[in-house]
Amino acid sequence: MYKLLLADDESDIREGLMEVVDFEKYGFAVVGQAANGLEALQLCEKEKPDLIISDIRMPLMDGLTMLEKAREALPTARFIILSGYDDFEFARQAMALNCLSYLLKPISSAEFIDALADARKKLDEEMAQRRDLITLRRHFDDSLPLLRATLLGSLLNGGVSAQRAMEAAQHYNLPLRADAYMLALLR
């Protein structure tokens, strides 16, 4: 279940969404609601949401500024913008922040649910990619002793150039530069 934060200075919007949308059905747990950008940012730091749904115009800190600051603290978080302003500049700024959707108020529940489902799909894809990267990293780390031994064997047998050996050694976190070397060769 992904964590969701809802930020809008209009309580009617927040309450309406909570009543109309079964967030859990779409894989989201609402971990907080904020009435302004500053409160939303504080909740972001505390709750670390995966998806932030925010109005653009809010008191104390506007939604775009809040999202920009939230992006710094939570680089994997995704955003959906709700706006009463059909303004190209707002939309351009939202897309520059990599927002998933820019929805104009008043929004229909069907439109909102479609955006929520799209967000869930993208979050699932990104989570799968992160899991794949973690798995690849674990396999690489598990293979490091063998990779290092193979590199040293190739270096001793002359099967690898000095430049390639130095590049591979750096990649394998194997220090090859030293003031002196000692070699023991057993047959």
C-alpha atoms as a PDB file:
ATOM      1  CA  MET A   1       0.000   0.000   0.000  1.00  0.00           C
ATOM      2  CA  TYR A   2       1.394   3.398  -1.002  1.00  0.00           C
ATOM      3  CA  LYS A   3       1.270   6.432   1.273  1.00  0.00           C
ATOM      4  CA  LEU A   4      -0.732   9.424   0.026  1.00  0.00           C
ATOM      5  CA  LEU A   5      -0.796  13.023   1.236  1.00  0.00           C
ATOM      6  CA  LEU A   6      -3.659  15.346   0.295  1.00  0.00           C
ATOM      7  CA  ALA A   7      -3.003  19.102   0.360  1.00  0.00           C
ATOM      8  CA  ASP A   8      -5.682  21.668  -0.480  1.00  0.00           C
ATOM      9  CA  ASP A   9      -6.728  24.829   1.344  1.00  0.00           C
ATOM     10  CA  GLU A  10     -10.375  24.102   0.482  1.00  0.00           C
ATOM     11  CA  SER A  11     -11.642  21.705   3.129  1.00  0.00           C
ATOM     12  CA  ASP A  12     -14.637  20.899   0.882  1.00  0.00           C
ATOM     13  CA  ILE A  13     -12.265  19.457  -1.721  1.00  0.00           C
ATOM     14  CA  ARG A  14     -10.304  17.380   0.810  1.00  0.00           C
ATOM     15  CA  GLU A  15     -13.410  16.098   2.555  1.00  0.00           C
ATOM     16  CA  GLY A  16     -15.194  15.471  -0.741  1.00  0.00           C
ATOM     17  CA  LEU A  17     -12.334  13.377  -2.071  1.00  0.00           C
ATOM     18  CA  MET A  18     -12.169  11.413   1.182  1.00  0.00           C
ATOM     19  CA  GLU A  19     -15.896  10.680   0.987  1.00  0.00           C
ATOM     20  CA  VAL A  20     -16.129   9.872  -2.718  1.00  0.00           C
ATOM     21  CA  VAL A  21     -12.880   7.975  -3.349  1.00  0.00           C
ATOM     22  CA  ASP A  22     -12.031   4.661  -1.703  1.00  0.00           C
ATOM     23  CA  PHE A  23      -8.272   5.282  -1.700  1.00  0.00           C
ATOM     24  CA  GLU A  24      -7.478   1.865  -0.227  1.00  0.00           C
ATOM     25  CA  LYS A  25      -9.238   0.179  -3.148  1.00  0.00           C
ATOM     26  CA  TYR A  26      -6.650   1.802  -5.430  1.00  0.00           C
ATOM     27  CA  GLY A  27      -3.700   0.880  -3.179  1.00  0.00           C
ATOM     28  CA  PHE A  28      -3.281   4.114  -1.224  1.00  0.00           C
ATOM     29  CA  ALA A  29      -3.388   4.861   2.492  1.00  0.00           C
ATOM     30  CA  VAL A  30      -4.048   8.542   3.215  1.00  0.00           C
ATOM     31  CA  VAL A  31      -1.363   9.408   5.788  1.00  0.00           C
ATOM     32  CA  GLY A  32      -2.204  13.077   6.090  1.00  0.00           C
ATOM     33  CA  GLN A  33      -4.194  16.082   4.972  1.00  0.00           C
ATOM     34  CA  ALA A  34      -2.904  19.640   4.860  1.00  0.00           C
ATOM     35  CA  ALA A  35      -4.658  22.984   4.496  1.00  0.00           C
ATOM     36  CA  ASN A  36      -1.565  24.850   3.275  1.00  0.00           C
ATOM     37  CA  GLY A  37       1.790  24.241   1.639  1.00  0.00           C
ATOM     38  CA  LEU A  38       3.856  24.621   4.803  1.00  0.00           C
ATOM     39  CA  GLU A  39       1.749  22.086   6.686  1.00  0.00           C
ATOM     40  CA  ALA A  40       1.966  19.737   3.693  1.00  0.00           C
ATOM     41  CA  LEU A  41       5.767  20.010   3.612  1.00  0.00           C
ATOM     42  CA  GLN A  42       5.978  19.242   7.336  1.00  0.00           C
ATOM     43  CA  LEU A  43       3.745  16.190   6.825  1.00  0.00           C
ATOM     44  CA  CYS A  44       5.937  15.103   3.902  1.00  0.00           C
ATOM     45  CA  GLU A  45       9.006  15.129   6.138  1.00  0.00           C
ATOM     46  CA  LYS A  46       7.185  13.150   8.826  1.00  0.00           C
ATOM     47  CA  GLU A  47       5.128  10.659   6.776  1.00  0.00           C
ATOM     48  CA  LYS A  48       7.273  10.304   3.612  1.00  0.00           C
ATOM     49  CA  PRO A  49       4.359   9.837   1.184  1.00  0.00           C
ATOM     50  CA  ASP A  50       4.742   8.116  -2.158  1.00  0.00           C
ATOM     51  CA  LEU A  51       2.079  10.287  -3.810  1.00  0.00           C
ATOM     52  CA  ILE A  52       1.278  13.920  -3.025  1.00  0.00           C
ATOM     53  CA  ILE A  53      -1.946  15.399  -4.351  1.00  0.00           C
ATOM     54  CA  SER A  54      -1.805  19.170  -4.040  1.00  0.00           C
ATOM     55  CA  ASP A  55      -3.597  22.344  -4.974  1.00  0.00           C
ATOM     56  CA  ILE A  56      -1.420  24.995  -6.604  1.00  0.00           C
ATOM     57  CA  ARG A  57      -2.683  28.061  -4.767  1.00  0.00           C
ATOM     58  CA  MET A  58      -2.515  27.658  -0.996  1.00  0.00           C
ATOM     59  CA  PRO A  59      -1.656  29.984   1.885  1.00  0.00           C
ATOM     60  CA  LEU A  60       1.785  30.158   3.546  1.00  0.00           C
ATOM     61  CA  MET A  61       3.443  28.243   0.705  1.00  0.00           C
ATOM     62  CA  ASP A  62       2.037  27.617  -2.762  1.00  0.00           C
ATOM     63  CA  GLY A  63       1.737  24.075  -4.043  1.00  0.00           C
ATOM     64  CA  LEU A  64       4.500  24.312  -6.636  1.00  0.00           C
ATOM     65  CA  THR A  65       7.038  25.588  -4.085  1.00  0.00           C
ATOM     66  CA  MET A  66       5.977  22.874  -1.663  1.00  0.00           C
ATOM     67  CA  LEU A  67       6.329  20.196  -4.356  1.00  0.00           C
ATOM     68  CA  GLU A  68       9.754  21.502  -5.319  1.00  0.00           C
ATOM     69  CA  LYS A  69      10.932  21.269  -1.697  1.00  0.00           C
ATOM     70  CA  ALA A  70       9.252  17.885  -1.247  1.00  0.00           C
ATOM     71  CA  ARG A  71      11.055  16.614  -4.380  1.00  0.00           C
ATOM     72  CA  GLU A  72      14.402  17.452  -2.731  1.00  0.00           C
ATOM     73  CA  ALA A  73      13.500  15.520   0.434  1.00  0.00           C
ATOM     74  CA  LEU A  74      11.614  12.689  -1.299  1.00  0.00           C
ATOM     75  CA  PRO A  75      13.111  12.128  -4.760  1.00  0.00           C
ATOM     76  CA  THR A  76      10.958   9.064  -5.469  1.00  0.00           C
ATOM     77  CA  ALA A  77       7.652  10.722  -4.508  1.00  0.00           C
ATOM     78  CA  ARG A  78       5.187  11.462  -7.303  1.00  0.00           C
ATOM     79  CA  PHE A  79       2.712  14.331  -7.609  1.00  0.00           C
ATOM     80  CA  ILE A  80      -0.747  15.118  -8.903  1.00  0.00           C
ATOM     81  CA  ILE A  81      -1.743  18.785  -9.148  1.00  0.00           C
ATOM     82  CA  LEU A  82      -5.262  20.047  -8.580  1.00  0.00           C
ATOM     83  CA  SER A  83      -5.852  23.563  -9.839  1.00  0.00           C
ATOM     84  CA  GLY A  84      -8.645  26.005 -10.361  1.00  0.00           C
ATOM     85  CA  TYR A  85      -6.420  27.837 -12.839  1.00  0.00           C
ATOM     86  CA  ASP A  86      -6.257  26.885 -16.494  1.00  0.00           C
ATOM     87  CA  ASP A  87      -2.904  28.634 -16.797  1.00  0.00           C
ATOM     88  CA  PHE A  88      -0.231  27.316 -19.148  1.00  0.00           C
ATOM     89  CA  GLU A  89       2.590  28.624 -16.936  1.00  0.00           C
ATOM     90  CA  PHE A  90       1.312  26.659 -13.925  1.00  0.00           C
ATOM     91  CA  ALA A  91       1.004  23.532 -16.047  1.00  0.00           C
ATOM     92  CA  ARG A  92       4.508  24.043 -17.466  1.00  0.00           C
ATOM     93  CA  GLN A  93       5.986  24.405 -13.964  1.00  0.00           C
ATOM     94  CA  ALA A  94       4.090  21.327 -12.766  1.00  0.00           C
ATOM     95  CA  MET A  95       5.410  19.241 -15.653  1.00  0.00           C
ATOM     96  CA  ALA A  96       8.943  20.520 -14.975  1.00  0.00           C
ATOM     97  CA  LEU A  97       8.524  19.026 -11.491  1.00  0.00           C
ATOM     98  CA  ASN A  98       7.592  15.726 -13.157  1.00  0.00           C
ATOM     99  CA  CYS A  99       3.967  15.766 -12.003  1.00  0.00           C
ATOM    100  CA  LEU A 100       1.943  12.800 -13.157  1.00  0.00           C
ATOM    101  CA  SER A 101      -1.283  14.750 -13.736  1.00  0.00           C
ATOM    102  CA  TYR A 102      -2.568  18.312 -13.800  1.00  0.00           C
ATOM    103  CA  LEU A 103      -6.298  18.240 -13.027  1.00  0.00           C
ATOM    104  CA  LEU A 104      -8.538  21.283 -13.319  1.00  0.00           C
ATOM    105  CA  LYS A 105     -11.179  21.948 -10.679  1.00  0.00           C
ATOM    106  CA  PRO A 106     -13.958  21.107 -10.519  1.00  0.00           C
ATOM    107  CA  ILE A 107     -12.838  17.553 -11.164  1.00  0.00           C
ATOM    108  CA  SER A 108     -15.088  14.577 -11.698  1.00  0.00           C
ATOM    109  CA  SER A 109     -14.597  11.523  -9.522  1.00  0.00           C
ATOM    110  CA  ALA A 110     -14.000   9.442 -12.686  1.00  0.00           C
ATOM    111  CA  GLU A 111     -11.225  11.786 -13.833  1.00  0.00           C
ATOM    112  CA  PHE A 112      -9.644  11.751 -10.385  1.00  0.00           C
ATOM    113  CA  ILE A 113      -9.846   7.951 -10.117  1.00  0.00           C
ATOM    114  CA  ASP A 114      -8.238   7.598 -13.560  1.00  0.00           C
ATOM    115  CA  ALA A 115      -5.360   9.826 -12.422  1.00  0.00           C
ATOM    116  CA  LEU A 116      -5.066   7.834  -9.202  1.00  0.00           C
ATOM    117  CA  ALA A 117      -4.993   4.526 -11.119  1.00  0.00           C
ATOM    118  CA  ASP A 118      -2.334   5.907 -13.481  1.00  0.00           C
ATOM    119  CA  ALA A 119      -0.274   7.042 -10.487  1.00  0.00           C
ATOM    120  CA  ARG A 120      -0.550   3.568  -8.940  1.00  0.00           C
ATOM    121  CA  LYS A 121       0.602   1.969 -12.189  1.00  0.00           C
ATOM    122  CA  LYS A 122       3.631   4.277 -12.437  1.00  0.00           C
ATOM    123  CA  LEU A 123       4.525   3.743  -8.772  1.00  0.00           C
ATOM    124  CA  ASP A 124       4.301  -0.031  -9.275  1.00  0.00           C
ATOM    125  CA  GLU A 125       6.612   0.175 -12.313  1.00  0.00           C
ATOM    126  CA  GLU A 126       9.137   2.332 -10.459  1.00  0.00           C
ATOM    127  CA  MET A 127       9.042   0.030  -7.427  1.00  0.00           C
ATOM    128  CA  ALA A 128       9.699  -2.979  -9.669  1.00  0.00           C
ATOM    129  CA  GLN A 129      12.658  -1.180 -11.271  1.00  0.00           C
ATOM    130  CA  ARG A 130      14.108  -0.336  -7.843  1.00  0.00           C
ATOM    131  CA  ARG A 131      13.702  -3.976  -6.755  1.00  0.00           C
ATOM    132  CA  ASP A 132      15.446  -5.129  -9.946  1.00  0.00           C
ATOM    133  CA  LEU A 133      18.327  -2.718  -9.324  1.00  0.00           C
ATOM    134  CA  ILE A 134      18.656  -3.915  -5.735  1.00  0.00           C
ATOM    135  CA  THR A 135      18.713  -7.525  -6.937  1.00  0.00           C
ATOM    136  CA  LEU A 136      21.348  -6.731  -9.580  1.00  0.00           C
ATOM    137  CA  ARG A 137      23.448  -4.890  -7.009  1.00  0.00           C
ATOM    138  CA  ARG A 138      23.217  -7.838  -4.612  1.00  0.00           C
ATOM    139  CA  HIS A 139      24.303 -10.247  -7.383  1.00  0.00           C
ATOM    140  CA  PHE A 140      27.213  -7.957  -8.264  1.00  0.00           C
ATOM    141  CA  ASP A 141      28.284  -7.709  -4.611  1.00  0.00           C
ATOM    142  CA  ASP A 142      28.053 -11.500  -4.246  1.00  0.00           C
ATOM    143  CA  SER A 143      30.185 -11.913  -7.387  1.00  0.00           C
ATOM    144  CA  LEU A 144      32.891  -9.446  -6.352  1.00  0.00           C
ATOM    145  CA  PRO A 145      35.291 -12.015  -4.822  1.00  0.00           C
ATOM    146  CA  LEU A 146      35.211 -14.091  -8.006  1.00  0.00           C
ATOM    147  CA  LEU A 147      35.521 -11.010 -10.242  1.00  0.00           C
ATOM    148  CA  ARG A 148      38.533  -9.783  -8.243  1.00  0.00           C
ATOM    149  CA  ALA A 149      40.209 -13.205  -8.322  1.00  0.00           C
ATOM    150  CA  THR A 150      39.626 -13.506 -12.066  1.00  0.00           C
ATOM    151  CA  LEU A 151      41.051 -10.032 -12.659  1.00  0.00           C
ATOM    152  CA  LEU A 152      44.159 -10.753 -10.575  1.00  0.00           C
ATOM    153  CA  GLY A 153      44.644 -14.079 -12.374  1.00  0.00           C
ATOM    154  CA  SER A 154      44.350 -12.369 -15.771  1.00  0.00           C
ATOM    155  CA  LEU A 155      46.780  -9.693 -14.645  1.00  0.00           C
ATOM    156  CA  LEU A 156      49.357 -12.287 -13.555  1.00  0.00           C
ATOM    157  CA  ASN A 157      48.943 -14.300 -16.763  1.00  0.00           C
ATOM    158  CA  GLY A 158      49.151 -11.232 -18.971  1.00  0.00           C
ATOM    159  CA  GLY A 159      45.620 -11.766 -20.238  1.00  0.00           C
ATOM    160  CA  VAL A 160      44.515  -8.189 -19.642  1.00  0.00           C
ATOM    161  CA  SER A 161      46.026  -4.808 -20.493  1.00  0.00           C
ATOM    162  CA  ALA A 162      47.209  -2.552 -17.674  1.00  0.00           C
ATOM    163  CA  GLN A 163      44.611   0.079 -18.581  1.00  0.00           C
ATOM    164  CA  ARG A 164      41.755  -2.439 -18.580  1.00  0.00           C
ATOM    165  CA  ALA A 165      43.017  -3.924 -15.307  1.00  0.00           C
ATOM    166  CA  MET A 166      43.098  -0.494 -13.643  1.00  0.00           C
ATOM    167  CA  GLU A 167      39.563   0.321 -14.864  1.00  0.00           C
ATOM    168  CA  ALA A 168      38.211  -3.027 -13.690  1.00  0.00           C
ATOM    169  CA  ALA A 169      40.051  -2.780 -10.357  1.00  0.00           C
ATOM    170  CA  GLN A 170      38.480   0.599  -9.706  1.00  0.00           C
ATOM    171  CA  HIS A 171      35.052  -0.801 -10.593  1.00  0.00           C
ATOM    172  CA  TYR A 172      35.631  -3.801  -8.290  1.00  0.00           C
ATOM    173  CA  ASN A 173      36.953  -1.546  -5.485  1.00  0.00           C
ATOM    174  CA  LEU A 174      40.288  -3.356  -5.638  1.00  0.00           C
ATOM    175  CA  PRO A 175      43.290  -1.090  -5.000  1.00  0.00           C
ATOM    176  CA  LEU A 176      46.099  -1.966  -7.417  1.00  0.00           C
ATOM    177  CA  ARG A 177      48.328   1.072  -7.012  1.00  0.00           C
ATOM    178  CA  ALA A 178      50.882   0.791  -4.234  1.00  0.00           C
ATOM    179  CA  ASP A 179      54.428   1.843  -3.389  1.00  0.00           C
ATOM    180  CA  ALA A 180      55.594  -1.761  -3.367  1.00  0.00           C
ATOM    181  CA  TYR A 181      54.224  -5.146  -4.431  1.00  0.00           C
ATOM    182  CA  MET A 182      54.836  -8.668  -3.213  1.00  0.00           C
ATOM    183  CA  LEU A 183      54.039 -11.676  -5.315  1.00  0.00           C
ATOM    184  CA  ALA A 184      54.038 -15.335  -4.445  1.00  0.00           C
ATOM    185  CA  LEU A 185      53.622 -17.809  -7.270  1.00  0.00           C
ATOM    186  CA  LEU A 186      52.886 -21.402  -6.332  1.00  0.00           C
ATOM    187  CA  ARG A 187      52.640 -24.368  -8.671  1.00  0.00           C
END
